[in-house]
Amino acid sequence: QTHSPVRSAAMGASGSADDLDDDDDGDEHKTWLLTPVFCVLVLTAGVVAGVVRALRADGSDRCAGVPLPRCSCLTSRWAVRCAAWCALIAGLVGLCMAGRRFVLGWQARVPPYLLSLMLATYALLGAAPLLTVLGLRSGGRGASEGHRAFRQAARAALMGGLAAGLATEVLCNAGETEMIVSHEWREGCATLGASCGLLLLGLYAAQAEQSGMRMEAPWALRRCGRTPPTLAWGS
C-alpha cells in the first residue's frame, strides 16, 4: 500500500508533534519528581535547625567540640510549613498529570478494579471540598450538628480518596503485567499514587504546624503576663 507525498508529510508532522508532546511531558514529569526530594531536604534541614535551637536553649554553645551555628532564618516551623505547601501544590499538580495520562490511554484495555479505584479516587477527592462547603453553610445557619456531620464526611471522603489512589498504584505495580495494563495507565497509576502520598504528607505537615502553634499560644500569653483561657469539660 502506497501513500501520497502529502499524506506521508502529514503523518510525519503528526508523529513529530507527538514526539514533542512526549518530550514535554517527560520534562514536566522529571521536574515534578524532584518535589519529594526537595521536601526531604527541607525537612532534614528543619530537624538540624531544631536540634541546634534546642541545644542552645539548654545553654550549650558546642556539640562534640564543634561550635553550634547561629541561624535565625531557618527554623523547624519554617521547614514544616514550606514542605507542607510544596507537597500540597505538587500533589494537586500530580493529580492533573495523572488524569491526563488516563485520558490519553482511555481506549486501552484496563482491568475493571483499576478503573473503579481510579474513578473512586477522583470522585472522593472531588467530594471532599464540596462537603466542606456544605458544612460551612450549615454552620452559618446555626446547625452545629449538621456542620460537624459534614466535616466528618469531608474528612472521610478525603482519606478514602487518598487510600484509593495509593491502592491504585500498589495494585497496578504488584498485580498486573505490562501486557495487561498499557504504558499510559501504568504511568498514570504511579503518578496518582505519588500525588496522594504528597497530599497526605502536606496535610499531615499542615496539621503538625497548626498544632505547634496551638501549643505555643499559652506560653506566649504567659510571657505577656496574661492567663490563657481554659475550656470547661463538655464545651
C-alpha atoms as a PDB file:
ATOM      1  CA  GLN A   1       0.000   0.000   0.000  1.00  0.00           C
ATOM      2  CA  THR A   2       1.416   3.356  -1.073  1.00  0.00           C
ATOM      3  CA  HIS A   3       0.793   6.775   0.419  1.00  0.00           C
ATOM      4  CA  SER A   4       0.749  10.091  -1.356  1.00  0.00           C
ATOM      5  CA  PRO A   5       3.520  12.583  -0.552  1.00  0.00           C
ATOM      6  CA  VAL A   6       1.028  14.915   1.145  1.00  0.00           C
ATOM      7  CA  ARG A   7      -0.310  12.170   3.383  1.00  0.00           C
ATOM      8  CA  SER A   8       3.194  10.973   4.239  1.00  0.00           C
ATOM      9  CA  ALA A   9       4.205  14.509   5.143  1.00  0.00           C
ATOM     10  CA  ALA A  10       1.103  14.871   7.333  1.00  0.00           C
ATOM     11  CA  MET A  11       1.826  11.580   9.080  1.00  0.00           C
ATOM     12  CA  GLY A  12       5.412  12.644   9.659  1.00  0.00           C
ATOM     13  CA  ALA A  13       4.313  16.011  11.048  1.00  0.00           C
ATOM     14  CA  SER A  14       1.831  14.371  13.408  1.00  0.00           C
ATOM     15  CA  GLY A  15       4.489  11.921  14.568  1.00  0.00           C
ATOM     16  CA  SER A  16       6.917  14.769  15.224  1.00  0.00           C
ATOM     17  CA  ALA A  17       4.240  16.633  17.203  1.00  0.00           C
ATOM     18  CA  ASP A  18       3.551  13.533  19.297  1.00  0.00           C
ATOM     19  CA  ASP A  19       7.267  13.145  19.975  1.00  0.00           C
ATOM     20  CA  LEU A  20       7.493  16.784  21.079  1.00  0.00           C
ATOM     21  CA  ASP A  21       4.487  16.329  23.393  1.00  0.00           C
ATOM     22  CA  ASP A  22       6.082  13.216  24.882  1.00  0.00           C
ATOM     23  CA  ASP A  23       9.332  15.110  25.461  1.00  0.00           C
ATOM     24  CA  ASP A  24       7.480  17.983  27.156  1.00  0.00           C
ATOM     25  CA  ASP A  25       5.552  15.536  29.344  1.00  0.00           C
ATOM     26  CA  GLY A  26       8.802  13.791  30.245  1.00  0.00           C
ATOM     27  CA  ASP A  27      10.457  17.075  31.257  1.00  0.00           C
ATOM     28  CA  GLU A  28       7.439  18.078  33.361  1.00  0.00           C
ATOM     29  CA  HIS A  29       7.365  14.651  34.987  1.00  0.00           C
ATOM     30  CA  LYS A  30      11.079  14.828  35.847  1.00  0.00           C
ATOM     31  CA  THR A  31      10.623  18.274  37.366  1.00  0.00           C
ATOM     32  CA  TRP A  32       7.628  17.069  39.361  1.00  0.00           C
ATOM     33  CA  LEU A  33       9.610  14.094  40.680  1.00  0.00           C
ATOM     34  CA  LEU A  34      12.071  16.493  42.318  1.00  0.00           C
ATOM     35  CA  THR A  35       9.379  17.692  44.742  1.00  0.00           C
ATOM     36  CA  PRO A  36       9.696  14.778  47.221  1.00  0.00           C
ATOM     37  CA  VAL A  37      13.475  15.211  47.187  1.00  0.00           C
ATOM     38  CA  PHE A  38      13.063  18.915  47.949  1.00  0.00           C
ATOM     39  CA  CYS A  39      10.666  18.118  50.815  1.00  0.00           C
ATOM     40  CA  VAL A  40      13.165  15.646  52.276  1.00  0.00           C
ATOM     41  CA  LEU A  41      15.978  18.206  52.115  1.00  0.00           C
ATOM     42  CA  VAL A  42      13.865  20.971  53.675  1.00  0.00           C
ATOM     43  CA  LEU A  43      12.586  18.746  56.490  1.00  0.00           C
ATOM     44  CA  THR A  44      16.087  17.414  57.196  1.00  0.00           C
ATOM     45  CA  ALA A  45      17.372  20.983  57.433  1.00  0.00           C
ATOM     46  CA  GLY A  46      14.469  21.741  59.781  1.00  0.00           C
ATOM     47  CA  VAL A  47      15.451  18.818  62.004  1.00  0.00           C
ATOM     48  CA  VAL A  48      19.043  20.070  62.205  1.00  0.00           C
ATOM     49  CA  ALA A  49      17.871  23.615  62.935  1.00  0.00           C
ATOM     50  CA  GLY A  50      15.510  22.358  65.648  1.00  0.00           C
ATOM     51  CA  VAL A  51      18.254  20.329  67.344  1.00  0.00           C
ATOM     52  CA  VAL A  52      20.653  23.284  67.234  1.00  0.00           C
ATOM     53  CA  ARG A  53      17.995  25.575  68.693  1.00  0.00           C
ATOM     54  CA  ALA A  54      17.232  23.075  71.471  1.00  0.00           C
ATOM     55  CA  LEU A  55      20.899  22.724  72.377  1.00  0.00           C
ATOM     56  CA  ARG A  56      21.308  26.490  72.504  1.00  0.00           C
ATOM     57  CA  ALA A  57      18.200  26.765  74.672  1.00  0.00           C
ATOM     58  CA  ASP A  58      19.857  24.356  77.147  1.00  0.00           C
ATOM     59  CA  GLY A  59      22.885  26.636  77.316  1.00  0.00           C
ATOM     60  CA  SER A  60      25.219  24.665  75.055  1.00  0.00           C
ATOM     61  CA  ASP A  61      27.371  26.518  72.537  1.00  0.00           C
ATOM     62  CA  ARG A  62      29.187  23.419  71.271  1.00  0.00           C
ATOM     63  CA  CYS A  63      28.290  19.883  70.292  1.00  0.00           C
ATOM     64  CA  ALA A  64      31.134  17.340  70.420  1.00  0.00           C
ATOM     65  CA  GLY A  65      33.601  20.213  70.292  1.00  0.00           C
ATOM     66  CA  VAL A  66      32.003  21.787  67.220  1.00  0.00           C
ATOM     67  CA  PRO A  67      30.593  25.308  67.684  1.00  0.00           C
ATOM     68  CA  LEU A  68      26.871  25.485  67.016  1.00  0.00           C
ATOM     69  CA  PRO A  69      25.889  27.811  64.150  1.00  0.00           C
ATOM     70  CA  ARG A  70      23.569  30.746  64.609  1.00  0.00           C
ATOM     71  CA  CYS A  71      20.786  30.886  62.049  1.00  0.00           C
ATOM     72  CA  SER A  72      17.553  32.702  62.805  1.00  0.00           C
ATOM     73  CA  CYS A  73      16.138  32.314  59.266  1.00  0.00           C
ATOM     74  CA  LEU A  74      15.836  28.528  59.185  1.00  0.00           C
ATOM     75  CA  THR A  75      13.599  27.004  61.859  1.00  0.00           C
ATOM     76  CA  SER A  76      11.715  23.748  62.216  1.00  0.00           C
ATOM     77  CA  ARG A  77       8.385  25.524  61.831  1.00  0.00           C
ATOM     78  CA  TRP A  78       9.501  27.224  58.627  1.00  0.00           C
ATOM     79  CA  ALA A  79      10.713  23.894  57.236  1.00  0.00           C
ATOM     80  CA  VAL A  80       7.436  22.122  58.047  1.00  0.00           C
ATOM     81  CA  ARG A  81       5.389  24.975  56.589  1.00  0.00           C
ATOM     82  CA  CYS A  82       7.465  25.083  53.384  1.00  0.00           C
ATOM     83  CA  ALA A  83       7.280  21.298  52.959  1.00  0.00           C
ATOM     84  CA  ALA A  84       3.515  21.351  53.539  1.00  0.00           C
ATOM     85  CA  TRP A  85       2.875  23.934  50.830  1.00  0.00           C
ATOM     86  CA  CYS A  86       5.231  22.273  48.351  1.00  0.00           C
ATOM     87  CA  ALA A  87       3.690  18.845  48.938  1.00  0.00           C
ATOM     88  CA  LEU A  88       0.117  20.130  48.604  1.00  0.00           C
ATOM     89  CA  ILE A  89       0.824  22.035  45.392  1.00  0.00           C
ATOM     90  CA  ALA A  90       2.802  19.148  43.894  1.00  0.00           C
ATOM     91  CA  GLY A  91       0.038  16.713  44.864  1.00  0.00           C
ATOM     92  CA  LEU A  92      -2.620  18.755  43.076  1.00  0.00           C
ATOM     93  CA  VAL A  93      -0.421  19.149  40.005  1.00  0.00           C
ATOM     94  CA  GLY A  94       0.266  15.415  40.043  1.00  0.00           C
ATOM     95  CA  LEU A  95      -3.450  14.647  40.087  1.00  0.00           C
ATOM     96  CA  CYS A  96      -3.862  16.693  36.909  1.00  0.00           C
ATOM     97  CA  MET A  97      -0.890  14.971  35.284  1.00  0.00           C
ATOM     98  CA  ALA A  98      -2.240  11.538  36.178  1.00  0.00           C
ATOM     99  CA  GLY A  99      -5.676  12.474  34.849  1.00  0.00           C
ATOM    100  CA  ARG A 100      -4.106  13.469  31.535  1.00  0.00           C
ATOM    101  CA  ARG A 101      -2.372  10.092  31.329  1.00  0.00           C
ATOM    102  CA  PHE A 102      -5.654   8.312  31.962  1.00  0.00           C
ATOM    103  CA  VAL A 103      -7.395  10.323  29.252  1.00  0.00           C
ATOM    104  CA  LEU A 104      -4.654   9.533  26.723  1.00  0.00           C
ATOM    105  CA  GLY A 105      -4.927   5.816  27.463  1.00  0.00           C
ATOM    106  CA  TRP A 106      -8.710   5.707  27.850  1.00  0.00           C
ATOM    107  CA  GLN A 107      -9.183   3.398  24.833  1.00  0.00           C
ATOM    108  CA  ALA A 108      -6.703   0.843  26.159  1.00  0.00           C
ATOM    109  CA  ARG A 109      -7.773  -2.320  27.915  1.00  0.00           C
ATOM    110  CA  VAL A 110      -7.796  -1.829  31.687  1.00  0.00           C
ATOM    111  CA  PRO A 111      -8.744  -4.233  34.499  1.00  0.00           C
ATOM    112  CA  PRO A 112     -12.121  -3.245  35.976  1.00  0.00           C
ATOM    113  CA  TYR A 113     -10.848  -2.863  39.523  1.00  0.00           C
ATOM    114  CA  LEU A 114      -8.123  -0.417  38.448  1.00  0.00           C
ATOM    115  CA  LEU A 115     -10.682   1.654  36.578  1.00  0.00           C
ATOM    116  CA  SER A 116     -13.010   1.581  39.600  1.00  0.00           C
ATOM    117  CA  LEU A 117     -10.261   2.647  42.006  1.00  0.00           C
ATOM    118  CA  MET A 118      -9.169   5.480  39.733  1.00  0.00           C
ATOM    119  CA  LEU A 119     -12.724   6.791  39.402  1.00  0.00           C
ATOM    120  CA  ALA A 120     -13.265   6.415  43.156  1.00  0.00           C
ATOM    121  CA  THR A 121     -10.093   8.415  43.838  1.00  0.00           C
ATOM    122  CA  TYR A 122     -11.156  11.433  41.815  1.00  0.00           C
ATOM    123  CA  ALA A 123     -14.792  11.184  42.939  1.00  0.00           C
ATOM    124  CA  LEU A 124     -13.921  11.097  46.650  1.00  0.00           C
ATOM    125  CA  LEU A 125     -11.252  13.804  46.395  1.00  0.00           C
ATOM    126  CA  GLY A 126     -13.707  15.973  44.487  1.00  0.00           C
ATOM    127  CA  ALA A 127     -16.477  15.335  47.029  1.00  0.00           C
ATOM    128  CA  ALA A 128     -14.313  16.421  49.986  1.00  0.00           C
ATOM    129  CA  PRO A 129     -14.293  20.185  49.224  1.00  0.00           C
ATOM    130  CA  LEU A 130     -17.974  20.052  48.261  1.00  0.00           C
ATOM    131  CA  LEU A 131     -18.866  18.520  51.627  1.00  0.00           C
ATOM    132  CA  THR A 132     -16.697  21.121  53.339  1.00  0.00           C
ATOM    133  CA  VAL A 133     -18.623  23.938  51.644  1.00  0.00           C
ATOM    134  CA  LEU A 134     -21.920  22.350  52.670  1.00  0.00           C
ATOM    135  CA  GLY A 135     -20.641  22.102  56.239  1.00  0.00           C
ATOM    136  CA  LEU A 136     -19.719  25.792  56.263  1.00  0.00           C
ATOM    137  CA  ARG A 137     -23.190  26.661  55.013  1.00  0.00           C
ATOM    138  CA  SER A 138     -24.752  24.563  57.764  1.00  0.00           C
ATOM    139  CA  GLY A 139     -22.556  26.253  60.361  1.00  0.00           C
ATOM    140  CA  GLY A 140     -23.575  29.666  59.033  1.00  0.00           C
ATOM    141  CA  ARG A 141     -27.234  28.775  59.522  1.00  0.00           C
ATOM    142  CA  GLY A 142     -26.577  27.731  63.116  1.00  0.00           C
ATOM    143  CA  ALA A 143     -26.925  23.969  62.561  1.00  0.00           C
ATOM    144  CA  SER A 144     -23.940  22.824  64.588  1.00  0.00           C
ATOM    145  CA  GLU A 145     -24.843  19.144  64.349  1.00  0.00           C
ATOM    146  CA  GLY A 146     -25.039  19.297  60.564  1.00  0.00           C
ATOM    147  CA  HIS A 147     -21.789  21.240  60.464  1.00  0.00           C
ATOM    148  CA  ARG A 148     -19.966  18.516  62.410  1.00  0.00           C
ATOM    149  CA  ALA A 149     -21.529  15.765  60.299  1.00  0.00           C
ATOM    150  CA  PHE A 150     -20.456  17.404  57.041  1.00  0.00           C
ATOM    151  CA  ARG A 151     -16.936  17.934  58.394  1.00  0.00           C
ATOM    152  CA  GLN A 152     -16.630  14.271  59.338  1.00  0.00           C
ATOM    153  CA  ALA A 153     -17.959  13.235  55.930  1.00  0.00           C
ATOM    154  CA  ALA A 154     -15.455  15.529  54.198  1.00  0.00           C
ATOM    155  CA  ARG A 155     -12.580  14.033  56.175  1.00  0.00           C
ATOM    156  CA  ALA A 156     -13.752  10.509  55.383  1.00  0.00           C
ATOM    157  CA  ALA A 157     -14.021  11.366  51.680  1.00  0.00           C
ATOM    158  CA  LEU A 158     -10.523  12.867  51.675  1.00  0.00           C
ATOM    159  CA  MET A 159      -8.961   9.882  53.443  1.00  0.00           C
ATOM    160  CA  GLY A 160     -10.889   7.461  51.246  1.00  0.00           C
ATOM    161  CA  GLY A 161      -9.709   9.208  48.081  1.00  0.00           C
ATOM    162  CA  LEU A 162      -6.080   9.150  49.206  1.00  0.00           C
ATOM    163  CA  ALA A 163      -6.346   5.479  50.164  1.00  0.00           C
ATOM    164  CA  ALA A 164      -7.897   4.621  46.784  1.00  0.00           C
ATOM    165  CA  GLY A 165      -5.123   6.446  44.940  1.00  0.00           C
ATOM    166  CA  LEU A 166      -2.409   4.616  46.867  1.00  0.00           C
ATOM    167  CA  ALA A 167      -4.180   1.298  46.305  1.00  0.00           C
ATOM    168  CA  THR A 168      -4.337   2.015  42.573  1.00  0.00           C
ATOM    169  CA  GLU A 169      -0.563   2.350  42.366  1.00  0.00           C
ATOM    170  CA  VAL A 170       0.111  -0.717  44.521  1.00  0.00           C
ATOM    171  CA  LEU A 171      -2.254  -2.994  42.625  1.00  0.00           C
ATOM    172  CA  CYS A 172      -1.058  -1.774  39.238  1.00  0.00           C
ATOM    173  CA  ASN A 173       2.620  -2.389  40.061  1.00  0.00           C
ATOM    174  CA  ALA A 174       2.257  -5.608  42.027  1.00  0.00           C
ATOM    175  CA  GLY A 175      -0.707  -7.326  40.447  1.00  0.00           C
ATOM    176  CA  GLU A 176      -0.594  -6.607  36.734  1.00  0.00           C
ATOM    177  CA  THR A 177       1.965  -7.053  33.980  1.00  0.00           C
ATOM    178  CA  GLU A 178       2.746  -4.717  31.102  1.00  0.00           C
ATOM    179  CA  MET A 179       0.784  -6.973  28.757  1.00  0.00           C
ATOM    180  CA  ILE A 180      -2.451  -6.231  30.639  1.00  0.00           C
ATOM    181  CA  VAL A 181      -2.033  -2.565  31.629  1.00  0.00           C
ATOM    182  CA  SER A 182      -0.898  -0.070  28.994  1.00  0.00           C
ATOM    183  CA  HIS A 183       2.088   2.231  29.411  1.00  0.00           C
ATOM    184  CA  GLU A 184      -0.097   5.326  29.835  1.00  0.00           C
ATOM    185  CA  TRP A 185      -2.133   3.717  32.589  1.00  0.00           C
ATOM    186  CA  ARG A 186       0.928   2.437  34.409  1.00  0.00           C
ATOM    187  CA  GLU A 187       2.422   5.938  34.427  1.00  0.00           C
ATOM    188  CA  GLY A 188      -0.932   7.393  35.433  1.00  0.00           C
ATOM    189  CA  CYS A 189      -1.332   4.971  38.343  1.00  0.00           C
ATOM    190  CA  ALA A 190       2.218   5.658  39.540  1.00  0.00           C
ATOM    191  CA  THR A 191       1.684   9.420  39.350  1.00  0.00           C
ATOM    192  CA  LEU A 192      -1.701   9.110  41.059  1.00  0.00           C
ATOM    193  CA  GLY A 193      -0.283   7.136  43.974  1.00  0.00           C
ATOM    194  CA  ALA A 194       2.659   9.515  44.387  1.00  0.00           C
ATOM    195  CA  SER A 195       0.308  12.504  44.273  1.00  0.00           C
ATOM    196  CA  CYS A 196      -1.871  11.017  47.002  1.00  0.00           C
ATOM    197  CA  GLY A 197       1.235  10.420  49.099  1.00  0.00           C
ATOM    198  CA  LEU A 198       2.315  14.042  48.627  1.00  0.00           C
ATOM    199  CA  LEU A 199      -1.155  15.290  49.573  1.00  0.00           C
ATOM    200  CA  LEU A 200      -1.081  13.111  52.687  1.00  0.00           C
ATOM    201  CA  LEU A 201       2.357  14.496  53.590  1.00  0.00           C
ATOM    202  CA  GLY A 202       1.170  18.062  53.036  1.00  0.00           C
ATOM    203  CA  LEU A 203      -1.954  17.605  55.146  1.00  0.00           C
ATOM    204  CA  TYR A 204      -0.020  15.984  57.975  1.00  0.00           C
ATOM    205  CA  ALA A 205       2.635  18.718  57.895  1.00  0.00           C
ATOM    206  CA  ALA A 206      -0.034  21.425  57.921  1.00  0.00           C
ATOM    207  CA  GLN A 207      -1.767  19.772  60.871  1.00  0.00           C
ATOM    208  CA  ALA A 208       1.535  19.428  62.735  1.00  0.00           C
ATOM    209  CA  GLU A 209       2.354  23.100  62.143  1.00  0.00           C
ATOM    210  CA  GLN A 210      -1.114  24.153  63.322  1.00  0.00           C
ATOM    211  CA  SER A 211      -0.920  22.019  66.468  1.00  0.00           C
ATOM    212  CA  GLY A 212       2.510  23.523  67.197  1.00  0.00           C
ATOM    213  CA  MET A 213       1.022  26.997  67.024  1.00  0.00           C
ATOM    214  CA  ARG A 214      -1.725  25.971  69.451  1.00  0.00           C
ATOM    215  CA  MET A 215       0.809  24.574  71.891  1.00  0.00           C
ATOM    216  CA  GLU A 216       2.919  27.756  71.817  1.00  0.00           C
ATOM    217  CA  ALA A 217      -0.052  30.101  72.227  1.00  0.00           C
ATOM    218  CA  PRO A 218      -0.404  29.614  76.048  1.00  0.00           C
ATOM    219  CA  TRP A 219       3.330  30.188  76.503  1.00  0.00           C
ATOM    220  CA  ALA A 220       3.136  33.412  74.525  1.00  0.00           C
ATOM    221  CA  LEU A 221       0.230  34.617  76.671  1.00  0.00           C
ATOM    222  CA  ARG A 222       2.081  33.809  79.896  1.00  0.00           C
ATOM    223  CA  ARG A 223       5.140  35.642  78.594  1.00  0.00           C
ATOM    224  CA  CYS A 224       2.970  38.714  78.083  1.00  0.00           C
ATOM    225  CA  GLY A 225       1.582  38.401  81.623  1.00  0.00           C
ATOM    226  CA  ARG A 226      -1.844  37.138  80.560  1.00  0.00           C
ATOM    227  CA  THR A 227      -3.632  33.987  81.644  1.00  0.00           C
ATOM    228  CA  PRO A 228      -4.524  31.575  78.814  1.00  0.00           C
ATOM    229  CA  PRO A 229      -8.223  30.708  78.560  1.00  0.00           C
ATOM    230  CA  THR A 230      -9.381  27.368  79.874  1.00  0.00           C
ATOM    231  CA  LEU A 231     -12.086  25.176  78.383  1.00  0.00           C
ATOM    232  CA  ALA A 232     -14.678  23.583  80.616  1.00  0.00           C
ATOM    233  CA  TRP A 233     -15.451  19.888  80.296  1.00  0.00           C
ATOM    234  CA  GLY A 234     -18.042  19.225  77.632  1.00  0.00           C
ATOM    235  CA  SER A 235     -17.550  22.567  75.853  1.00  0.00           C
END
